[in-house]
Amino acid sequence: MKKIVALLMVFFGSFLFASEKLLPNGITPETHDINVAWGTILFFMWPVIIIVMYKFVEFTLRKTGVEPDV
């Protein structure tokens, strides 16, 4: 269960990062200037980002002793 929660946290965290890069001016439609380069990078890189972050969380949980059998 803790693995699933950690994975979801990383997944939603990556969405927060992507939203800040894609819409730096917030949600107001008149100020939208979507950065296409960042959108393309994040679209193709999100599986890699999620896997790397999951492995980092797994490593951290193992090293701190919170979850020794991850």
N, C-alpha and C. Protein backbone atom coordinates (compact mmCIF):
# COMPACT_ATOMS: atom_id res chain seq x y z
N MET A 1 0.82 -1.20 0.00
CA MET A 1 0.00 0.00 0.00
C MET A 1 0.87 1.26 0.00
N LYS A 2 1.97 1.21 0.75
CA LYS A 2 2.84 2.38 0.81
C LYS A 2 3.50 2.64 -0.53
N LYS A 3 3.76 1.58 -1.29
CA LYS A 3 4.33 1.77 -2.63
C LYS A 3 3.35 2.52 -3.53
N ILE A 4 2.09 2.16 -3.43
CA ILE A 4 1.07 2.81 -4.27
C ILE A 4 0.94 4.28 -3.90
N VAL A 5 0.93 4.56 -2.60
CA VAL A 5 0.82 5.95 -2.15
C VAL A 5 2.03 6.75 -2.61
N ALA A 6 3.22 6.17 -2.48
CA ALA A 6 4.43 6.87 -2.93
C ALA A 6 4.38 7.11 -4.44
N LEU A 7 3.92 6.14 -5.19
CA LEU A 7 3.83 6.30 -6.65
C LEU A 7 2.83 7.38 -7.02
N LEU A 8 1.69 7.42 -6.33
CA LEU A 8 0.70 8.45 -6.60
C LEU A 8 1.23 9.84 -6.25
N MET A 9 1.97 9.94 -5.15
CA MET A 9 2.55 11.23 -4.78
C MET A 9 3.51 11.72 -5.85
N VAL A 10 4.33 10.83 -6.36
CA VAL A 10 5.28 11.21 -7.41
C VAL A 10 4.52 11.58 -8.69
N PHE A 11 3.50 10.82 -9.01
CA PHE A 11 2.71 11.07 -10.21
C PHE A 11 2.06 12.45 -10.16
N PHE A 12 1.40 12.76 -9.05
CA PHE A 12 0.73 14.06 -8.94
C PHE A 12 1.73 15.19 -8.78
N GLY A 13 2.87 14.90 -8.17
CA GLY A 13 3.92 15.91 -8.08
C GLY A 13 4.45 16.30 -9.45
N SER A 14 4.55 15.31 -10.34
CA SER A 14 5.02 15.62 -11.69
C SER A 14 3.99 16.47 -12.44
N PHE A 15 2.70 16.28 -12.12
CA PHE A 15 1.68 17.14 -12.73
C PHE A 15 1.82 18.58 -12.25
N LEU A 16 2.14 18.76 -10.97
CA LEU A 16 2.35 20.12 -10.46
C LEU A 16 3.53 20.78 -11.16
N PHE A 17 4.60 20.03 -11.34
CA PHE A 17 5.77 20.56 -12.04
C PHE A 17 5.41 20.92 -13.48
N ALA A 18 4.69 20.04 -14.14
CA ALA A 18 4.31 20.29 -15.53
C ALA A 18 3.38 21.49 -15.65
N SER A 19 2.45 21.63 -14.73
CA SER A 19 1.52 22.76 -14.82
C SER A 19 2.24 24.08 -14.62
N GLU A 20 3.25 24.09 -13.75
CA GLU A 20 4.01 25.33 -13.56
C GLU A 20 4.82 25.68 -14.80
N LYS A 21 5.37 24.68 -15.47
CA LYS A 21 6.16 24.94 -16.66
C LYS A 21 5.29 25.29 -17.87
N LEU A 22 4.12 24.66 -17.97
CA LEU A 22 3.27 24.90 -19.14
C LEU A 22 2.43 26.16 -19.00
N LEU A 23 1.97 26.46 -17.79
CA LEU A 23 1.12 27.62 -17.58
C LEU A 23 1.69 28.46 -16.44
N PRO A 24 2.79 29.18 -16.68
CA PRO A 24 3.43 29.92 -15.59
C PRO A 24 2.61 31.10 -15.07
N ASN A 25 1.62 31.56 -15.84
CA ASN A 25 0.81 32.71 -15.42
C ASN A 25 -0.48 32.30 -14.72
N GLY A 26 -0.63 31.04 -14.43
CA GLY A 26 -1.84 30.59 -13.76
C GLY A 26 -2.91 30.14 -14.72
N ILE A 27 -4.13 30.14 -14.25
CA ILE A 27 -5.23 29.55 -14.99
C ILE A 27 -6.01 30.59 -15.81
N THR A 28 -5.70 31.87 -15.67
CA THR A 28 -6.45 32.89 -16.39
C THR A 28 -6.21 32.76 -17.89
N PRO A 29 -7.27 32.59 -18.68
CA PRO A 29 -7.10 32.28 -20.11
C PRO A 29 -6.49 33.42 -20.92
N GLU A 30 -6.67 34.66 -20.51
CA GLU A 30 -6.14 35.76 -21.32
C GLU A 30 -4.62 35.89 -21.23
N THR A 31 -4.01 35.24 -20.24
CA THR A 31 -2.55 35.34 -20.10
C THR A 31 -1.85 34.05 -20.50
N HIS A 32 -2.57 33.11 -21.09
CA HIS A 32 -1.94 31.84 -21.45
C HIS A 32 -0.95 32.03 -22.60
N ASP A 33 0.23 31.56 -22.36
CA ASP A 33 1.26 31.50 -23.40
C ASP A 33 1.94 30.15 -23.19
N ILE A 34 1.35 29.11 -23.74
CA ILE A 34 1.80 27.74 -23.47
C ILE A 34 3.16 27.53 -24.12
N ASN A 35 4.08 27.08 -23.32
CA ASN A 35 5.44 26.82 -23.78
C ASN A 35 5.46 25.46 -24.46
N VAL A 36 5.55 25.45 -25.78
CA VAL A 36 5.45 24.20 -26.54
C VAL A 36 6.66 23.31 -26.31
N ALA A 37 7.82 23.90 -26.15
CA ALA A 37 9.03 23.09 -25.93
C ALA A 37 8.92 22.29 -24.64
N TRP A 38 8.53 22.96 -23.55
CA TRP A 38 8.37 22.24 -22.28
C TRP A 38 7.25 21.22 -22.37
N GLY A 39 6.20 21.55 -23.09
CA GLY A 39 5.10 20.60 -23.24
C GLY A 39 5.53 19.33 -23.95
N THR A 40 6.33 19.48 -24.99
CA THR A 40 6.83 18.31 -25.72
C THR A 40 7.76 17.48 -24.86
N ILE A 41 8.68 18.16 -24.17
CA ILE A 41 9.63 17.44 -23.32
C ILE A 41 8.89 16.66 -22.23
N LEU A 42 7.96 17.32 -21.55
CA LEU A 42 7.27 16.65 -20.45
C LEU A 42 6.33 15.56 -20.94
N PHE A 43 5.76 15.74 -22.13
CA PHE A 43 4.87 14.71 -22.66
C PHE A 43 5.62 13.40 -22.89
N PHE A 44 6.83 13.49 -23.45
CA PHE A 44 7.58 12.28 -23.74
C PHE A 44 8.41 11.79 -22.56
N MET A 45 8.69 12.66 -21.60
CA MET A 45 9.58 12.29 -20.50
C MET A 45 8.84 11.88 -19.23
N TRP A 46 7.50 12.03 -19.16
CA TRP A 46 6.84 11.76 -17.89
C TRP A 46 6.99 10.32 -17.42
N PRO A 47 7.02 9.31 -18.30
CA PRO A 47 7.24 7.95 -17.76
C PRO A 47 8.63 7.81 -17.13
N VAL A 48 9.63 8.42 -17.74
CA VAL A 48 10.98 8.35 -17.19
C VAL A 48 11.05 9.10 -15.87
N ILE A 49 10.43 10.26 -15.81
CA ILE A 49 10.44 11.05 -14.58
C ILE A 49 9.76 10.28 -13.46
N ILE A 50 8.63 9.64 -13.75
CA ILE A 50 7.91 8.89 -12.72
C ILE A 50 8.73 7.72 -12.23
N ILE A 51 9.37 6.99 -13.13
CA ILE A 51 10.17 5.83 -12.73
C ILE A 51 11.36 6.27 -11.88
N VAL A 52 12.04 7.32 -12.29
CA VAL A 52 13.20 7.81 -11.52
C VAL A 52 12.77 8.28 -10.14
N MET A 53 11.68 9.02 -10.06
CA MET A 53 11.22 9.50 -8.76
C MET A 53 10.74 8.35 -7.88
N TYR A 54 10.11 7.35 -8.46
CA TYR A 54 9.66 6.19 -7.69
C TYR A 54 10.87 5.46 -7.10
N LYS A 55 11.89 5.27 -7.91
CA LYS A 55 13.10 4.60 -7.43
C LYS A 55 13.77 5.42 -6.33
N PHE A 56 13.74 6.74 -6.46
CA PHE A 56 14.32 7.59 -5.42
C PHE A 56 13.54 7.46 -4.11
N VAL A 57 12.21 7.47 -4.19
CA VAL A 57 11.40 7.31 -2.98
C VAL A 57 11.64 5.93 -2.37
N GLU A 58 11.70 4.91 -3.20
CA GLU A 58 11.96 3.55 -2.73
C GLU A 58 13.32 3.48 -2.02
N PHE A 59 14.34 4.07 -2.61
CA PHE A 59 15.68 4.08 -2.03
C PHE A 59 15.68 4.83 -0.69
N THR A 60 14.99 5.97 -0.65
CA THR A 60 14.94 6.76 0.57
C THR A 60 14.22 6.01 1.68
N LEU A 61 13.11 5.36 1.36
CA LEU A 61 12.39 4.60 2.38
C LEU A 61 13.23 3.45 2.90
N ARG A 62 13.98 2.82 2.04
CA ARG A 62 14.83 1.70 2.46
C ARG A 62 15.97 2.19 3.34
N LYS A 63 16.61 3.30 2.96
CA LYS A 63 17.77 3.80 3.71
C LYS A 63 17.37 4.35 5.08
N THR A 64 16.20 4.96 5.18
CA THR A 64 15.77 5.52 6.47
C THR A 64 15.22 4.46 7.40
N GLY A 65 14.94 3.28 6.87
CA GLY A 65 14.41 2.21 7.70
C GLY A 65 12.91 2.25 7.88
N VAL A 66 12.25 3.18 7.22
CA VAL A 66 10.79 3.28 7.34
C VAL A 66 10.14 2.05 6.72
N GLU A 67 10.65 1.64 5.58
CA GLU A 67 10.09 0.49 4.86
C GLU A 67 11.26 -0.38 4.40
N PRO A 68 11.71 -1.32 5.24
CA PRO A 68 12.91 -2.09 4.90
C PRO A 68 12.72 -3.10 3.77
N ASP A 69 11.49 -3.54 3.53
CA ASP A 69 11.26 -4.58 2.52
C ASP A 69 10.61 -4.03 1.26
N VAL A 70 10.95 -2.82 0.89
CA VAL A 70 10.36 -2.22 -0.32
C VAL A 70 10.86 -2.94 -1.54
